[in-house]
Amino acid sequence: MALRGQELMNMIPRSFRRSQFREERFRTHVRPIIDAVMKKRGSCRILDMGGDADYWQFDLPDSGVEIWLLNIEAKEPSPDPRFHVVQGDARDVAQFADLNFDFVHSNSLIEHVGRWADMKRVAAEIRRLAPNYYVQTPNFWFPLDPHSNAPIMHWLPQPLQRRLVSSKSRGFYAKATSLDHAMQIVEGTSMLDRAQLAELFPDAEILTENVLFLPKSLIAIRNPEL
């Protein structure tokens, strides 16, 4: 009998659910880059593409770190003076000069920016803006679609995906109210495999995060400071 999305999620140990995955990635991959930059420069300027301040509460140095939160839609300013809210498009961050930051961070963004050409533009901006970067994205070959929580939904032909999102709400997706709405949902995510991520970031180390021996997500990481 096929597993439902929630049943498959229940097989994942509680210590490795969504927020725990992010916290573990932060401690293993993100914080060491920040620490290395801080040790070398005494401060660290970070651009977080598609991010929010809550994510950074896992573990940050008390001082010396400033974070710019770049989102396509404006977010409310943070009361924490370390955070700067910026409205902009990750495909063209022209308001910032080359190497304006020490570190660019992107968590589950690149699969939502459009087609391959759009992803190439985002990757080029990430590599332009900082010598260090961290880019995480769900792996196409993980059988549970992380956005709908539906098994293999992202592997199905587009017409079937369209029918599924039109039938009821699924995961982060509200029930599509029209064919146009369904198409926006279906075309709003293009998940990547390891080879594609390596092509986008040829100077990065590509890491695989496994769950139940399956490749859940991919990370492109460049950290010459380490």
N, C-alpha and C. Protein backbone atom coordinates (compact mmCIF):
# COMPACT_ATOMS: atom_id res chain seq x y z
N MET A 1 0.85 -1.20 0.00
CA MET A 1 0.00 0.00 0.00
C MET A 1 0.88 1.24 0.00
N ALA A 2 0.54 2.21 -0.81
CA ALA A 2 1.34 3.43 -0.92
C ALA A 2 1.25 4.24 0.37
N LEU A 3 2.36 4.83 0.75
CA LEU A 3 2.39 5.69 1.93
C LEU A 3 1.82 7.06 1.62
N ARG A 4 1.01 7.58 2.51
CA ARG A 4 0.58 8.96 2.40
C ARG A 4 1.70 9.87 2.87
N GLY A 5 1.58 11.16 2.49
CA GLY A 5 2.63 12.10 2.83
C GLY A 5 2.89 12.16 4.32
N GLN A 6 1.83 12.21 5.14
CA GLN A 6 2.02 12.31 6.59
C GLN A 6 2.65 11.04 7.14
N GLU A 7 2.27 9.87 6.57
CA GLU A 7 2.86 8.62 7.04
C GLU A 7 4.35 8.59 6.75
N LEU A 8 4.73 9.09 5.58
CA LEU A 8 6.15 9.14 5.25
C LEU A 8 6.87 10.12 6.16
N MET A 9 6.25 11.25 6.44
CA MET A 9 6.85 12.22 7.36
C MET A 9 7.04 11.60 8.74
N ASN A 10 6.07 10.78 9.18
CA ASN A 10 6.16 10.17 10.50
C ASN A 10 7.32 9.19 10.61
N MET A 11 7.78 8.68 9.47
CA MET A 11 8.92 7.77 9.49
C MET A 11 10.23 8.52 9.73
N ILE A 12 10.24 9.82 9.49
CA ILE A 12 11.44 10.61 9.71
C ILE A 12 11.55 10.90 11.21
N PRO A 13 12.67 10.59 11.84
CA PRO A 13 12.80 10.85 13.27
C PRO A 13 12.47 12.30 13.61
N ARG A 14 11.83 12.49 14.76
CA ARG A 14 11.42 13.84 15.15
C ARG A 14 12.60 14.80 15.24
N SER A 15 13.75 14.26 15.56
CA SER A 15 14.94 15.11 15.68
C SER A 15 15.41 15.63 14.33
N PHE A 16 14.78 15.16 13.24
CA PHE A 16 15.21 15.60 11.92
C PHE A 16 14.04 16.15 11.10
N ARG A 17 13.06 16.77 11.76
CA ARG A 17 11.99 17.41 11.04
C ARG A 17 12.48 18.74 10.49
N ARG A 18 11.60 19.49 9.82
CA ARG A 18 12.01 20.66 9.05
C ARG A 18 12.89 21.63 9.83
N SER A 19 12.43 22.10 10.99
CA SER A 19 13.22 23.08 11.73
C SER A 19 14.51 22.48 12.25
N GLN A 20 14.45 21.18 12.62
CA GLN A 20 15.66 20.54 13.12
C GLN A 20 16.69 20.36 12.01
N PHE A 21 16.22 20.08 10.79
CA PHE A 21 17.14 20.01 9.66
C PHE A 21 17.86 21.34 9.50
N ARG A 22 17.10 22.42 9.56
CA ARG A 22 17.70 23.74 9.35
C ARG A 22 18.68 24.08 10.46
N GLU A 23 18.32 23.74 11.69
CA GLU A 23 19.22 24.03 12.80
C GLU A 23 20.51 23.23 12.66
N GLU A 24 20.41 21.96 12.28
CA GLU A 24 21.60 21.14 12.11
C GLU A 24 22.48 21.67 10.98
N ARG A 25 21.86 22.08 9.86
CA ARG A 25 22.63 22.66 8.76
C ARG A 25 23.33 23.94 9.22
N PHE A 26 22.61 24.73 10.00
CA PHE A 26 23.19 25.99 10.46
C PHE A 26 24.44 25.72 11.28
N ARG A 27 24.35 24.83 12.23
CA ARG A 27 25.48 24.56 13.13
C ARG A 27 26.63 23.89 12.39
N THR A 28 26.31 23.04 11.41
CA THR A 28 27.34 22.28 10.72
C THR A 28 28.02 23.07 9.61
N HIS A 29 27.24 23.88 8.88
CA HIS A 29 27.77 24.51 7.67
C HIS A 29 27.80 26.04 7.72
N VAL A 30 26.77 26.66 8.28
CA VAL A 30 26.65 28.12 8.23
C VAL A 30 27.51 28.78 9.30
N ARG A 31 27.35 28.36 10.53
CA ARG A 31 28.09 29.00 11.63
C ARG A 31 29.60 28.92 11.44
N PRO A 32 30.17 27.79 10.96
CA PRO A 32 31.63 27.77 10.75
C PRO A 32 32.12 28.82 9.76
N ILE A 33 31.32 29.12 8.72
CA ILE A 33 31.72 30.16 7.77
C ILE A 33 31.72 31.52 8.46
N ILE A 34 30.66 31.80 9.23
CA ILE A 34 30.59 33.07 9.95
C ILE A 34 31.78 33.21 10.89
N ASP A 35 32.07 32.16 11.63
CA ASP A 35 33.18 32.21 12.58
C ASP A 35 34.51 32.45 11.88
N ALA A 36 34.70 31.81 10.72
CA ALA A 36 35.96 31.99 9.98
C ALA A 36 36.11 33.42 9.48
N VAL A 37 35.01 33.98 8.97
CA VAL A 37 35.05 35.37 8.50
C VAL A 37 35.30 36.32 9.67
N MET A 38 34.62 36.08 10.79
CA MET A 38 34.80 36.92 11.97
C MET A 38 36.25 36.88 12.46
N LYS A 39 36.83 35.70 12.44
CA LYS A 39 38.21 35.55 12.91
C LYS A 39 39.18 36.33 12.02
N LYS A 40 38.89 36.34 10.71
CA LYS A 40 39.78 37.00 9.76
C LYS A 40 39.55 38.50 9.70
N ARG A 41 38.27 38.94 9.74
CA ARG A 41 37.94 40.34 9.49
C ARG A 41 37.44 41.09 10.73
N GLY A 42 36.98 40.36 11.71
CA GLY A 42 36.42 41.00 12.90
C GLY A 42 34.95 41.34 12.77
N SER A 43 34.37 41.10 11.59
CA SER A 43 32.95 41.34 11.35
C SER A 43 32.52 40.45 10.19
N CYS A 44 31.20 40.36 9.99
CA CYS A 44 30.68 39.54 8.88
C CYS A 44 29.40 40.15 8.35
N ARG A 45 29.41 40.50 7.06
CA ARG A 45 28.23 41.04 6.38
C ARG A 45 27.60 39.91 5.57
N ILE A 46 26.33 39.64 5.85
CA ILE A 46 25.64 38.50 5.24
C ILE A 46 24.44 38.99 4.45
N LEU A 47 24.27 38.45 3.24
CA LEU A 47 23.04 38.65 2.47
C LEU A 47 22.28 37.33 2.49
N ASP A 48 21.07 37.36 3.03
CA ASP A 48 20.22 36.17 3.07
C ASP A 48 19.12 36.34 2.03
N MET A 49 19.21 35.60 0.94
CA MET A 49 18.23 35.69 -0.14
C MET A 49 16.99 34.87 0.22
N GLY A 50 15.86 35.56 0.33
CA GLY A 50 14.61 34.88 0.66
C GLY A 50 14.50 34.52 2.13
N GLY A 51 15.28 35.16 2.98
CA GLY A 51 15.33 34.76 4.38
C GLY A 51 14.50 35.62 5.30
N ASP A 52 14.50 35.23 6.57
CA ASP A 52 13.84 36.01 7.61
C ASP A 52 14.67 35.96 8.88
N ALA A 53 14.40 36.89 9.77
CA ALA A 53 15.23 37.03 10.97
C ALA A 53 15.11 35.83 11.90
N ASP A 54 13.94 35.19 11.93
CA ASP A 54 13.74 34.07 12.87
C ASP A 54 14.75 32.96 12.65
N TYR A 55 15.07 32.69 11.39
CA TYR A 55 16.02 31.61 11.08
C TYR A 55 17.35 31.82 11.80
N TRP A 56 17.78 33.05 11.90
CA TRP A 56 19.11 33.36 12.44
C TRP A 56 19.17 33.34 13.95
N GLN A 57 18.06 33.06 14.59
CA GLN A 57 18.07 32.99 16.05
C GLN A 57 18.65 31.69 16.57
N PHE A 58 18.97 30.75 15.67
CA PHE A 58 19.57 29.50 16.11
C PHE A 58 20.83 29.76 16.94
N ASP A 59 21.73 30.55 16.37
CA ASP A 59 23.03 30.74 17.04
C ASP A 59 23.84 31.76 16.27
N LEU A 60 23.92 32.98 16.80
CA LEU A 60 24.70 34.04 16.16
C LEU A 60 25.65 34.66 17.17
N PRO A 61 26.80 35.13 16.72
CA PRO A 61 27.66 35.91 17.63
C PRO A 61 26.91 37.13 18.16
N ASP A 62 27.24 37.55 19.34
CA ASP A 62 26.54 38.67 19.98
C ASP A 62 26.78 39.99 19.26
N SER A 63 27.90 40.12 18.57
CA SER A 63 28.21 41.38 17.89
C SER A 63 29.06 41.10 16.66
N GLY A 64 29.12 42.09 15.78
CA GLY A 64 29.97 41.99 14.60
C GLY A 64 29.32 41.43 13.37
N VAL A 65 28.09 40.94 13.48
CA VAL A 65 27.39 40.35 12.34
C VAL A 65 26.23 41.26 11.94
N GLU A 66 26.13 41.56 10.65
CA GLU A 66 24.99 42.28 10.08
C GLU A 66 24.41 41.43 8.96
N ILE A 67 23.08 41.38 8.90
CA ILE A 67 22.41 40.51 7.93
C ILE A 67 21.38 41.32 7.15
N TRP A 68 21.48 41.27 5.83
CA TRP A 68 20.51 41.89 4.93
C TRP A 68 19.56 40.80 4.45
N LEU A 69 18.27 41.00 4.69
CA LEU A 69 17.24 40.03 4.31
C LEU A 69 16.59 40.49 3.02
N LEU A 70 16.91 39.80 1.92
CA LEU A 70 16.42 40.17 0.59
C LEU A 70 15.20 39.33 0.23
N ASN A 71 14.07 39.98 -0.05
CA ASN A 71 12.85 39.28 -0.45
C ASN A 71 12.15 40.05 -1.55
N ILE A 72 11.44 39.31 -2.40
CA ILE A 72 10.75 39.92 -3.54
C ILE A 72 9.63 40.84 -3.06
N GLU A 73 9.04 40.52 -1.90
CA GLU A 73 8.03 41.36 -1.29
C GLU A 73 8.59 41.93 0.01
N ALA A 74 8.24 43.16 0.28
CA ALA A 74 8.79 43.83 1.47
C ALA A 74 8.36 43.13 2.75
N LYS A 75 9.29 43.00 3.68
CA LYS A 75 8.98 42.44 5.00
C LYS A 75 9.01 43.55 6.03
N GLU A 76 8.37 43.29 7.16
CA GLU A 76 8.40 44.26 8.25
C GLU A 76 9.83 44.39 8.79
N PRO A 77 10.26 45.61 9.09
CA PRO A 77 11.59 45.78 9.67
C PRO A 77 11.73 45.00 10.98
N SER A 78 12.91 44.50 11.22
CA SER A 78 13.17 43.77 12.46
C SER A 78 13.58 44.74 13.56
N PRO A 79 13.11 44.50 14.78
CA PRO A 79 13.56 45.36 15.89
C PRO A 79 15.02 45.13 16.25
N ASP A 80 15.58 44.03 15.77
CA ASP A 80 16.98 43.71 16.03
C ASP A 80 17.85 44.52 15.07
N PRO A 81 18.72 45.39 15.56
CA PRO A 81 19.50 46.27 14.67
C PRO A 81 20.50 45.53 13.78
N ARG A 82 20.72 44.25 14.03
CA ARG A 82 21.63 43.48 13.18
C ARG A 82 21.02 43.16 11.82
N PHE A 83 19.68 43.33 11.70
CA PHE A 83 18.99 42.93 10.48
C PHE A 83 18.54 44.14 9.67
N HIS A 84 18.72 44.06 8.36
CA HIS A 84 18.30 45.10 7.43
C HIS A 84 17.38 44.46 6.39
N VAL A 85 16.18 44.99 6.26
CA VAL A 85 15.20 44.44 5.32
C VAL A 85 15.37 45.11 3.96
N VAL A 86 15.49 44.29 2.91
CA VAL A 86 15.70 44.79 1.55
C VAL A 86 14.68 44.15 0.62
N GLN A 87 14.01 44.97 -0.18
CA GLN A 87 13.11 44.43 -1.20
C GLN A 87 13.86 44.36 -2.52
N GLY A 88 13.81 43.20 -3.17
CA GLY A 88 14.52 43.06 -4.43
C GLY A 88 14.37 41.67 -5.01
N ASP A 89 14.87 41.51 -6.21
CA ASP A 89 14.78 40.27 -6.97
C ASP A 89 16.15 39.59 -6.95
N ALA A 90 16.19 38.35 -6.50
CA ALA A 90 17.46 37.62 -6.40
C ALA A 90 18.12 37.41 -7.76
N ARG A 91 17.35 37.57 -8.83
CA ARG A 91 17.93 37.40 -10.17
C ARG A 91 18.74 38.62 -10.60
N ASP A 92 18.53 39.74 -9.93
CA ASP A 92 19.23 40.98 -10.29
C ASP A 92 19.33 41.86 -9.06
N VAL A 93 20.41 41.69 -8.32
CA VAL A 93 20.59 42.45 -7.08
C VAL A 93 21.52 43.62 -7.38
N ALA A 94 21.10 44.45 -8.32
CA ALA A 94 21.96 45.52 -8.83
C ALA A 94 22.25 46.60 -7.80
N GLN A 95 21.46 46.64 -6.73
CA GLN A 95 21.69 47.68 -5.72
C GLN A 95 22.96 47.43 -4.90
N PHE A 96 23.56 46.26 -5.06
CA PHE A 96 24.78 45.94 -4.32
C PHE A 96 25.94 45.68 -5.28
N ALA A 97 27.10 46.22 -4.94
CA ALA A 97 28.29 46.07 -5.78
C ALA A 97 28.90 44.67 -5.62
N ASP A 98 29.80 44.34 -6.52
CA ASP A 98 30.52 43.07 -6.45
C ASP A 98 31.20 42.93 -5.09
N LEU A 99 31.13 41.72 -4.52
CA LEU A 99 31.79 41.41 -3.25
C LEU A 99 31.41 42.39 -2.14
N ASN A 100 30.15 42.83 -2.18
CA ASN A 100 29.66 43.75 -1.15
C ASN A 100 29.49 43.04 0.20
N PHE A 101 29.38 41.71 0.15
CA PHE A 101 29.15 40.94 1.37
C PHE A 101 30.29 39.94 1.58
N ASP A 102 30.36 39.45 2.80
CA ASP A 102 31.31 38.37 3.10
C ASP A 102 30.71 37.00 2.81
N PHE A 103 29.37 36.92 2.85
CA PHE A 103 28.72 35.62 2.83
C PHE A 103 27.31 35.79 2.28
N VAL A 104 26.94 34.99 1.27
CA VAL A 104 25.56 34.95 0.78
C VAL A 104 24.95 33.63 1.20
N HIS A 105 23.76 33.71 1.75
CA HIS A 105 23.04 32.54 2.26
C HIS A 105 21.71 32.42 1.53
N SER A 106 21.35 31.20 1.15
CA SER A 106 20.07 30.97 0.47
C SER A 106 19.54 29.61 0.87
N ASN A 107 18.36 29.59 1.44
CA ASN A 107 17.76 28.35 1.93
C ASN A 107 16.42 28.13 1.23
N SER A 108 16.34 27.08 0.40
CA SER A 108 15.09 26.72 -0.29
C SER A 108 14.50 27.89 -1.08
N LEU A 109 15.36 28.57 -1.81
CA LEU A 109 14.92 29.68 -2.66
C LEU A 109 15.07 29.36 -4.14
N ILE A 110 16.20 28.81 -4.54
CA ILE A 110 16.54 28.77 -5.95
C ILE A 110 15.55 27.96 -6.77
N GLU A 111 14.87 27.00 -6.16
CA GLU A 111 13.88 26.20 -6.90
C GLU A 111 12.60 26.98 -7.17
N HIS A 112 12.49 28.19 -6.62
CA HIS A 112 11.26 28.99 -6.79
C HIS A 112 11.45 30.23 -7.66
N VAL A 113 12.61 30.43 -8.23
CA VAL A 113 12.86 31.69 -8.94
C VAL A 113 12.45 31.66 -10.41
N GLY A 114 12.07 30.50 -10.92
CA GLY A 114 11.69 30.40 -12.33
C GLY A 114 12.34 29.22 -13.01
N ARG A 115 12.59 29.37 -14.29
CA ARG A 115 13.18 28.29 -15.08
C ARG A 115 14.70 28.32 -14.98
N TRP A 116 15.35 27.47 -15.77
CA TRP A 116 16.79 27.31 -15.71
C TRP A 116 17.54 28.63 -15.91
N ALA A 117 17.09 29.42 -16.87
CA ALA A 117 17.75 30.71 -17.12
C ALA A 117 17.67 31.61 -15.90
N ASP A 118 16.54 31.58 -15.19
CA ASP A 118 16.40 32.38 -13.98
C ASP A 118 17.33 31.88 -12.88
N MET A 119 17.44 30.57 -12.76
CA MET A 119 18.34 29.99 -11.76
C MET A 119 19.79 30.37 -12.04
N LYS A 120 20.16 30.40 -13.30
CA LYS A 120 21.53 30.79 -13.67
C LYS A 120 21.80 32.24 -13.25
N ARG A 121 20.81 33.09 -13.40
CA ARG A 121 20.98 34.49 -13.01
C ARG A 121 21.15 34.61 -11.49
N VAL A 122 20.35 33.86 -10.74
CA VAL A 122 20.49 33.89 -9.28
C VAL A 122 21.87 33.38 -8.86
N ALA A 123 22.28 32.27 -9.46
CA ALA A 123 23.59 31.70 -9.12
C ALA A 123 24.72 32.69 -9.43
N ALA A 124 24.61 33.37 -10.56
CA ALA A 124 25.64 34.35 -10.92
C ALA A 124 25.67 35.50 -9.91
N GLU A 125 24.51 35.93 -9.44
CA GLU A 125 24.46 37.00 -8.45
C GLU A 125 25.07 36.55 -7.12
N ILE A 126 24.75 35.34 -6.71
CA ILE A 126 25.31 34.82 -5.46
C ILE A 126 26.83 34.81 -5.52
N ARG A 127 27.37 34.32 -6.63
CA ARG A 127 28.83 34.22 -6.78
C ARG A 127 29.48 35.59 -6.94
N ARG A 128 28.72 36.56 -7.46
CA ARG A 128 29.24 37.92 -7.64
C ARG A 128 29.33 38.68 -6.32
N LEU A 129 28.40 38.42 -5.44
CA LEU A 129 28.21 39.28 -4.27
C LEU A 129 29.09 38.94 -3.07
N ALA A 130 29.63 37.72 -3.02
CA ALA A 130 30.44 37.34 -1.85
C ALA A 130 31.38 36.19 -2.19
N PRO A 131 32.52 36.10 -1.50
CA PRO A 131 33.43 34.98 -1.73
C PRO A 131 32.95 33.68 -1.09
N ASN A 132 32.10 33.80 -0.07
CA ASN A 132 31.57 32.63 0.62
C ASN A 132 30.07 32.53 0.36
N TYR A 133 29.58 31.34 0.13
CA TYR A 133 28.13 31.19 -0.01
C TYR A 133 27.67 29.80 0.42
N TYR A 134 26.37 29.76 0.72
CA TYR A 134 25.70 28.52 1.14
C TYR A 134 24.34 28.53 0.46
N VAL A 135 24.07 27.53 -0.37
CA VAL A 135 22.80 27.44 -1.10
C VAL A 135 22.22 26.06 -0.86
N GLN A 136 21.07 26.01 -0.19
CA GLN A 136 20.39 24.74 0.08
C GLN A 136 19.13 24.66 -0.76
N THR A 137 18.83 23.46 -1.26
CA THR A 137 17.62 23.26 -2.07
C THR A 137 17.17 21.81 -1.93
N PRO A 138 15.87 21.54 -1.97
CA PRO A 138 15.40 20.15 -1.93
C PRO A 138 15.91 19.36 -3.14
N ASN A 139 16.16 18.09 -2.93
CA ASN A 139 16.64 17.22 -4.00
C ASN A 139 15.47 16.65 -4.80
N PHE A 140 15.53 16.80 -6.11
CA PHE A 140 14.47 16.28 -6.98
C PHE A 140 14.22 14.80 -6.74
N TRP A 141 15.25 14.05 -6.37
CA TRP A 141 15.13 12.59 -6.28
C TRP A 141 14.66 12.11 -4.91
N PHE A 142 14.33 13.01 -4.00
CA PHE A 142 13.71 12.58 -2.74
C PHE A 142 12.23 12.35 -3.02
N PRO A 143 11.67 11.21 -2.62
CA PRO A 143 10.31 10.86 -3.07
C PRO A 143 9.18 11.69 -2.48
N LEU A 144 9.42 12.39 -1.38
CA LEU A 144 8.37 13.22 -0.80
C LEU A 144 8.55 14.66 -1.25
N ASP A 145 7.53 15.20 -1.92
CA ASP A 145 7.58 16.60 -2.34
C ASP A 145 7.50 17.47 -1.08
N PRO A 146 8.53 18.26 -0.78
CA PRO A 146 8.54 19.02 0.48
C PRO A 146 7.56 20.18 0.50
N HIS A 147 7.06 20.57 -0.65
CA HIS A 147 6.15 21.72 -0.71
C HIS A 147 4.69 21.30 -0.54
N SER A 148 4.33 20.13 -1.10
CA SER A 148 2.96 19.64 -1.00
C SER A 148 2.81 18.55 0.05
N ASN A 149 3.92 18.01 0.54
CA ASN A 149 3.92 16.83 1.43
C ASN A 149 3.24 15.63 0.79
N ALA A 150 3.24 15.59 -0.53
CA ALA A 150 2.63 14.48 -1.27
C ALA A 150 3.74 13.62 -1.89
N PRO A 151 3.72 12.31 -1.68
CA PRO A 151 4.73 11.45 -2.29
C PRO A 151 4.72 11.56 -3.81
N ILE A 152 5.88 11.70 -4.39
CA ILE A 152 6.20 11.70 -5.83
C ILE A 152 5.43 12.74 -6.64
N MET A 153 4.77 13.68 -6.01
CA MET A 153 3.99 14.65 -6.78
C MET A 153 4.88 15.39 -7.78
N HIS A 154 6.09 15.75 -7.38
CA HIS A 154 6.98 16.52 -8.25
C HIS A 154 7.54 15.68 -9.40
N TRP A 155 7.34 14.37 -9.36
CA TRP A 155 7.77 13.50 -10.46
C TRP A 155 6.67 13.31 -11.51
N LEU A 156 5.46 13.73 -11.20
CA LEU A 156 4.33 13.47 -12.08
C LEU A 156 4.29 14.45 -13.25
N PRO A 157 3.66 14.05 -14.36
CA PRO A 157 3.46 15.00 -15.47
C PRO A 157 2.67 16.22 -15.00
N GLN A 158 2.91 17.33 -15.65
CA GLN A 158 2.28 18.58 -15.23
C GLN A 158 0.75 18.49 -15.15
N PRO A 159 0.05 17.86 -16.11
CA PRO A 159 -1.41 17.78 -15.99
C PRO A 159 -1.87 17.08 -14.71
N LEU A 160 -1.14 16.05 -14.27
CA LEU A 160 -1.52 15.38 -13.03
C LEU A 160 -1.23 16.25 -11.81
N GLN A 161 -0.12 16.95 -11.84
CA GLN A 161 0.16 17.89 -10.74
C GLN A 161 -0.93 18.94 -10.65
N ARG A 162 -1.36 19.41 -11.80
CA ARG A 162 -2.40 20.44 -11.84
C ARG A 162 -3.69 19.92 -11.21
N ARG A 163 -4.04 18.68 -11.51
CA ARG A 163 -5.25 18.09 -10.94
C ARG A 163 -5.13 17.94 -9.43
N LEU A 164 -3.96 17.55 -8.96
CA LEU A 164 -3.77 17.35 -7.53
C LEU A 164 -3.90 18.65 -6.75
N VAL A 165 -3.29 19.73 -7.24
CA VAL A 165 -3.37 20.99 -6.50
C VAL A 165 -4.75 21.63 -6.62
N SER A 166 -5.53 21.17 -7.59
CA SER A 166 -6.90 21.69 -7.75
C SER A 166 -7.90 20.93 -6.90
N SER A 167 -7.50 19.77 -6.37
CA SER A 167 -8.45 18.93 -5.63
C SER A 167 -8.57 19.34 -4.16
N LYS A 168 -7.47 19.81 -3.56
CA LYS A 168 -7.51 20.23 -2.16
C LYS A 168 -6.19 20.92 -1.81
N SER A 169 -6.17 21.54 -0.64
CA SER A 169 -4.92 22.13 -0.16
C SER A 169 -3.91 21.02 0.14
N ARG A 170 -2.65 21.29 -0.19
CA ARG A 170 -1.61 20.28 0.04
C ARG A 170 -0.35 20.98 0.56
N GLY A 171 0.04 20.65 1.78
CA GLY A 171 1.25 21.24 2.34
C GLY A 171 1.17 22.76 2.37
N PHE A 172 2.15 23.40 1.72
CA PHE A 172 2.18 24.86 1.65
C PHE A 172 1.22 25.41 0.60
N TYR A 173 0.65 24.55 -0.24
CA TYR A 173 -0.18 25.01 -1.34
C TYR A 173 -1.65 25.08 -0.94
N ALA A 174 -2.26 26.25 -1.09
CA ALA A 174 -3.71 26.34 -0.96
C ALA A 174 -4.36 25.69 -2.17
N LYS A 175 -5.58 25.23 -2.02
CA LYS A 175 -6.29 24.62 -3.14
C LYS A 175 -6.41 25.62 -4.29
N ALA A 176 -6.02 25.20 -5.47
CA ALA A 176 -6.10 26.08 -6.64
C ALA A 176 -7.56 26.36 -6.97
N THR A 177 -7.86 27.62 -7.23
CA THR A 177 -9.24 28.04 -7.49
C THR A 177 -9.55 28.16 -8.97
N SER A 178 -8.54 28.00 -9.82
CA SER A 178 -8.74 28.07 -11.26
C SER A 178 -7.57 27.36 -11.93
N LEU A 179 -7.70 27.13 -13.23
CA LEU A 179 -6.59 26.51 -13.96
C LEU A 179 -5.37 27.42 -13.93
N ASP A 180 -5.58 28.72 -14.06
CA ASP A 180 -4.47 29.66 -14.01
C ASP A 180 -3.75 29.59 -12.66
N HIS A 181 -4.53 29.53 -11.59
CA HIS A 181 -3.95 29.42 -10.25
C HIS A 181 -3.16 28.12 -10.12
N ALA A 182 -3.71 27.03 -10.64
CA ALA A 182 -3.02 25.73 -10.59
C ALA A 182 -1.70 25.78 -11.34
N MET A 183 -1.69 26.44 -12.50
CA MET A 183 -0.46 26.55 -13.28
C MET A 183 0.59 27.38 -12.55
N GLN A 184 0.15 28.43 -11.87
CA GLN A 184 1.10 29.23 -11.09
C GLN A 184 1.75 28.39 -9.99
N ILE A 185 0.96 27.54 -9.35
CA ILE A 185 1.51 26.67 -8.31
C ILE A 185 2.50 25.67 -8.90
N VAL A 186 2.07 24.98 -9.96
CA VAL A 186 2.90 23.92 -10.55
C VAL A 186 4.19 24.49 -11.11
N GLU A 187 4.10 25.62 -11.81
CA GLU A 187 5.29 26.20 -12.42
C GLU A 187 6.11 27.04 -11.45
N GLY A 188 5.60 27.21 -10.23
CA GLY A 188 6.30 28.01 -9.24
C GLY A 188 7.46 27.30 -8.57
N THR A 189 7.60 26.01 -8.83
CA THR A 189 8.69 25.24 -8.23
C THR A 189 9.34 24.36 -9.29
N SER A 190 10.65 24.43 -9.40
CA SER A 190 11.42 23.56 -10.31
C SER A 190 12.58 22.99 -9.50
N MET A 191 12.39 21.78 -9.00
CA MET A 191 13.40 21.18 -8.14
C MET A 191 14.60 20.68 -8.94
N LEU A 192 15.75 20.70 -8.30
CA LEU A 192 17.02 20.40 -8.96
C LEU A 192 17.60 19.07 -8.50
N ASP A 193 18.45 18.49 -9.36
CA ASP A 193 19.24 17.35 -8.93
C ASP A 193 20.69 17.79 -8.72
N ARG A 194 21.52 16.87 -8.32
CA ARG A 194 22.90 17.20 -7.96
C ARG A 194 23.68 17.78 -9.14
N ALA A 195 23.52 17.17 -10.31
CA ALA A 195 24.26 17.64 -11.49
C ALA A 195 23.88 19.08 -11.84
N GLN A 196 22.60 19.40 -11.74
CA GLN A 196 22.16 20.76 -12.05
C GLN A 196 22.73 21.77 -11.06
N LEU A 197 22.72 21.42 -9.77
CA LEU A 197 23.26 22.35 -8.77
C LEU A 197 24.76 22.55 -8.98
N ALA A 198 25.46 21.48 -9.33
CA ALA A 198 26.90 21.59 -9.60
C ALA A 198 27.17 22.45 -10.83
N GLU A 199 26.30 22.39 -11.81
CA GLU A 199 26.45 23.23 -13.01
C GLU A 199 26.26 24.70 -12.66
N LEU A 200 25.31 24.98 -11.78
CA LEU A 200 25.05 26.37 -11.38
C LEU A 200 26.17 26.94 -10.53
N PHE A 201 26.81 26.08 -9.73
CA PHE A 201 27.85 26.54 -8.80
C PHE A 201 29.12 25.71 -9.00
N PRO A 202 29.84 25.95 -10.09
CA PRO A 202 31.00 25.11 -10.42
C PRO A 202 32.17 25.25 -9.44
N ASP A 203 32.20 26.32 -8.66
CA ASP A 203 33.30 26.50 -7.70
C ASP A 203 32.91 26.07 -6.29
N ALA A 204 31.77 25.38 -6.16
CA ALA A 204 31.28 24.97 -4.84
C ALA A 204 31.51 23.48 -4.60
N GLU A 205 31.50 23.13 -3.33
CA GLU A 205 31.40 21.73 -2.93
C GLU A 205 29.92 21.40 -2.84
N ILE A 206 29.50 20.30 -3.44
CA ILE A 206 28.09 19.90 -3.42
C ILE A 206 27.92 18.78 -2.40
N LEU A 207 27.09 19.03 -1.40
CA LEU A 207 26.84 18.07 -0.34
C LEU A 207 25.42 17.52 -0.45
N THR A 208 25.24 16.29 -0.02
CA THR A 208 23.92 15.67 -0.01
C THR A 208 23.51 15.38 1.42
N GLU A 209 22.28 15.78 1.77
CA GLU A 209 21.72 15.50 3.09
C GLU A 209 20.77 14.32 2.95
N ASN A 210 21.04 13.25 3.67
CA ASN A 210 20.26 12.02 3.53
C ASN A 210 19.31 11.81 4.70
N VAL A 211 18.15 11.23 4.39
CA VAL A 211 17.18 10.81 5.40
C VAL A 211 16.70 9.42 5.02
N LEU A 212 16.75 8.49 5.96
CA LEU A 212 16.36 7.11 5.66
C LEU A 212 17.10 6.59 4.44
N PHE A 213 18.36 6.97 4.32
CA PHE A 213 19.25 6.57 3.23
C PHE A 213 18.84 7.15 1.88
N LEU A 214 17.96 8.14 1.89
CA LEU A 214 17.52 8.78 0.65
C LEU A 214 18.04 10.22 0.62
N PRO A 215 18.37 10.74 -0.57
CA PRO A 215 18.94 12.09 -0.69
C PRO A 215 17.88 13.18 -0.57
N LYS A 216 17.70 13.71 0.64
CA LYS A 216 16.62 14.66 0.91
C LYS A 216 16.87 16.03 0.30
N SER A 217 18.08 16.56 0.50
CA SER A 217 18.35 17.91 0.00
C SER A 217 19.81 18.03 -0.41
N LEU A 218 20.09 19.11 -1.12
CA LEU A 218 21.43 19.37 -1.65
C LEU A 218 21.91 20.72 -1.12
N ILE A 219 23.22 20.83 -0.95
CA ILE A 219 23.82 22.07 -0.49
C ILE A 219 25.03 22.38 -1.35
N ALA A 220 25.05 23.58 -1.92
CA ALA A 220 26.25 24.09 -2.60
C ALA A 220 26.92 25.05 -1.63
N ILE A 221 28.18 24.77 -1.32
CA ILE A 221 28.85 25.57 -0.31
C ILE A 221 30.25 25.94 -0.78
N ARG A 222 30.57 27.22 -0.65
CA ARG A 222 31.91 27.71 -0.98
C ARG A 222 32.41 28.50 0.22
N ASN A 223 33.54 28.07 0.75
CA ASN A 223 34.05 28.71 1.97
C ASN A 223 35.56 28.79 1.94
N PRO A 224 36.11 29.64 1.09
CA PRO A 224 37.57 29.77 1.03
C PRO A 224 38.19 30.29 2.32
N GLU A 225 37.35 30.86 3.20
CA GLU A 225 37.87 31.35 4.48
C GLU A 225 38.30 30.20 5.38
N LEU A 226 37.74 28.99 5.17
CA LEU A 226 38.05 27.86 6.05
C LEU A 226 39.29 27.13 5.57
